[in-house]
Amino acid sequence: MNNKQNYIVEKILQKLSEQGFAQGKRNKFELVESTEKGVRILREKGTEDEIKKDEIEEVVKILLEKPNIYDYNVENFRKEIEKVIKRRIYSPLWAMIHLVDKDEYILD
């Protein structure tokens, strides 16, 4: 993982911790617990999901390569990341990447 990728992942996790949630287009994902390995979030329907830090890292890596994905809706975002993320955690990941401004994903 490069420095920019690490910086963004840490910034996402910090903002999620400070704010306590990530807001998607329709759903809110509340932070239940943050660990060294990732985060557990609570969906509005009451189910919990664990999102591993390496899954967040993979998504950030994709966004650094294709920053325009930031503007995609959840369905198109899913199509881009499902090659590396094999579980149905697309909506919370979409919400989490939006905790950081799009400009952060543009390589200098």
Protein backbone atom coordinates (compact mmCIF):
# COMPACT_ATOMS: atom_id res chain seq x y z
CA MET A 1 0.00 0.00 0.00
CA ASN A 2 1.39 3.39 -0.94
CA ASN A 3 1.46 6.50 1.27
CA LYS A 4 -1.51 8.19 -0.42
CA GLN A 5 -3.61 5.06 -0.12
CA ASN A 6 -2.68 4.64 3.53
CA TYR A 7 -3.42 8.32 4.23
CA ILE A 8 -6.91 8.08 2.71
CA VAL A 9 -7.77 4.82 4.49
CA GLU A 10 -6.72 6.31 7.82
CA LYS A 11 -8.68 9.49 7.09
CA ILE A 12 -11.82 7.45 6.28
CA LEU A 13 -11.48 5.48 9.50
CA GLN A 14 -10.82 8.64 11.53
CA LYS A 15 -13.88 10.45 10.11
CA LEU A 16 -16.03 7.37 10.63
CA SER A 17 -14.87 7.20 14.25
CA GLU A 18 -15.44 10.93 14.85
CA GLN A 19 -18.82 11.06 13.13
CA GLY A 20 -20.02 7.65 14.27
CA PHE A 21 -21.68 6.84 10.96
CA ALA A 22 -21.36 6.96 7.18
CA GLN A 23 -24.35 8.22 5.21
CA GLY A 24 -25.22 6.60 1.90
CA LYS A 25 -27.77 7.92 -0.61
CA ARG A 26 -30.60 6.21 1.25
CA ASN A 27 -29.12 4.39 4.22
CA LYS A 28 -27.07 5.31 7.23
CA PHE A 29 -24.39 2.94 8.50
CA GLU A 30 -23.57 3.36 12.17
CA LEU A 31 -20.18 2.48 13.57
CA VAL A 32 -20.46 -0.31 16.15
CA GLU A 33 -16.80 -1.05 16.72
CA SER A 34 -13.43 -0.17 15.23
CA THR A 35 -10.52 -2.62 15.52
CA GLU A 36 -7.07 -3.04 14.00
CA LYS A 37 -8.60 -5.38 11.41
CA GLY A 38 -11.51 -3.16 10.35
CA VAL A 39 -14.90 -1.89 11.46
CA ARG A 40 -18.28 -3.32 12.34
CA ILE A 41 -21.21 -1.29 11.13
CA LEU A 42 -24.92 -1.47 11.84
CA ARG A 43 -27.30 -1.18 8.91
CA GLU A 44 -30.63 0.62 9.37
CA LYS A 45 -32.40 -2.75 9.08
CA GLY A 46 -30.59 -3.90 12.21
CA THR A 47 -28.00 -6.23 10.70
CA GLU A 48 -24.30 -5.87 11.37
CA ASP A 49 -21.47 -6.26 8.88
CA GLU A 50 -17.76 -6.40 9.40
CA ILE A 51 -15.77 -4.46 6.85
CA LYS A 52 -12.15 -5.44 6.83
CA LYS A 53 -9.45 -2.82 6.57
CA ASP A 54 -7.97 -4.60 3.56
CA GLU A 55 -11.34 -4.30 1.78
CA ILE A 56 -11.29 -0.55 2.38
CA GLU A 57 -7.69 -0.46 1.13
CA GLU A 58 -8.69 -2.28 -2.08
CA VAL A 59 -11.51 0.16 -2.78
CA VAL A 60 -9.26 3.16 -2.14
CA LYS A 61 -6.68 1.66 -4.50
CA ILE A 62 -9.33 1.42 -7.23
CA LEU A 63 -10.41 5.02 -6.63
CA LEU A 64 -6.83 6.24 -6.85
CA GLU A 65 -6.61 4.57 -10.26
CA LYS A 66 -10.06 5.77 -11.39
CA PRO A 67 -11.18 8.79 -9.31
CA ASN A 68 -14.30 9.29 -11.46
CA ILE A 69 -15.80 6.23 -9.72
CA TYR A 70 -16.36 8.56 -6.75
CA ASP A 71 -19.26 10.11 -8.70
CA TYR A 72 -20.89 6.77 -9.55
CA ASN A 73 -24.14 5.70 -7.95
CA VAL A 74 -23.98 2.61 -5.73
CA GLU A 75 -24.97 0.21 -8.53
CA ASN A 76 -22.25 1.39 -10.92
CA PHE A 77 -19.78 1.56 -8.03
CA ARG A 78 -20.58 -2.08 -7.26
CA LYS A 79 -19.85 -3.07 -10.86
CA GLU A 80 -16.40 -1.52 -10.59
CA ILE A 81 -15.40 -3.02 -7.26
CA GLU A 82 -17.04 -6.44 -7.35
CA LYS A 83 -13.92 -7.79 -9.06
CA VAL A 84 -12.09 -7.46 -5.73
CA ILE A 85 -14.90 -7.26 -3.17
CA LYS A 86 -16.89 -10.48 -3.23
CA ARG A 87 -19.39 -9.71 -0.45
CA ARG A 88 -22.48 -7.54 -0.41
CA ILE A 89 -20.95 -4.57 1.40
CA TYR A 90 -21.04 -2.18 -1.55
CA SER A 91 -23.39 0.39 0.01
CA PRO A 92 -21.45 0.84 3.25
CA LEU A 93 -18.18 1.02 1.32
CA TRP A 94 -19.72 3.63 -1.01
CA ALA A 95 -20.81 5.65 2.04
CA MET A 96 -17.39 5.31 3.66
CA ILE A 97 -15.41 6.51 0.63
CA HIS A 98 -17.59 9.62 0.61
CA LEU A 99 -16.37 10.56 4.08
CA VAL A 100 -13.33 11.92 2.20
CA ASP A 101 -13.58 14.57 -0.53
CA LYS A 102 -13.13 13.50 -4.14
CA ASP A 103 -10.02 15.68 -4.47
CA GLU A 104 -8.21 13.37 -2.04
CA TYR A 105 -8.42 10.51 -4.56
CA ILE A 106 -6.65 12.44 -7.31
CA LEU A 107 -2.97 11.59 -7.45
CA ASP A 108 -0.61 14.56 -7.47
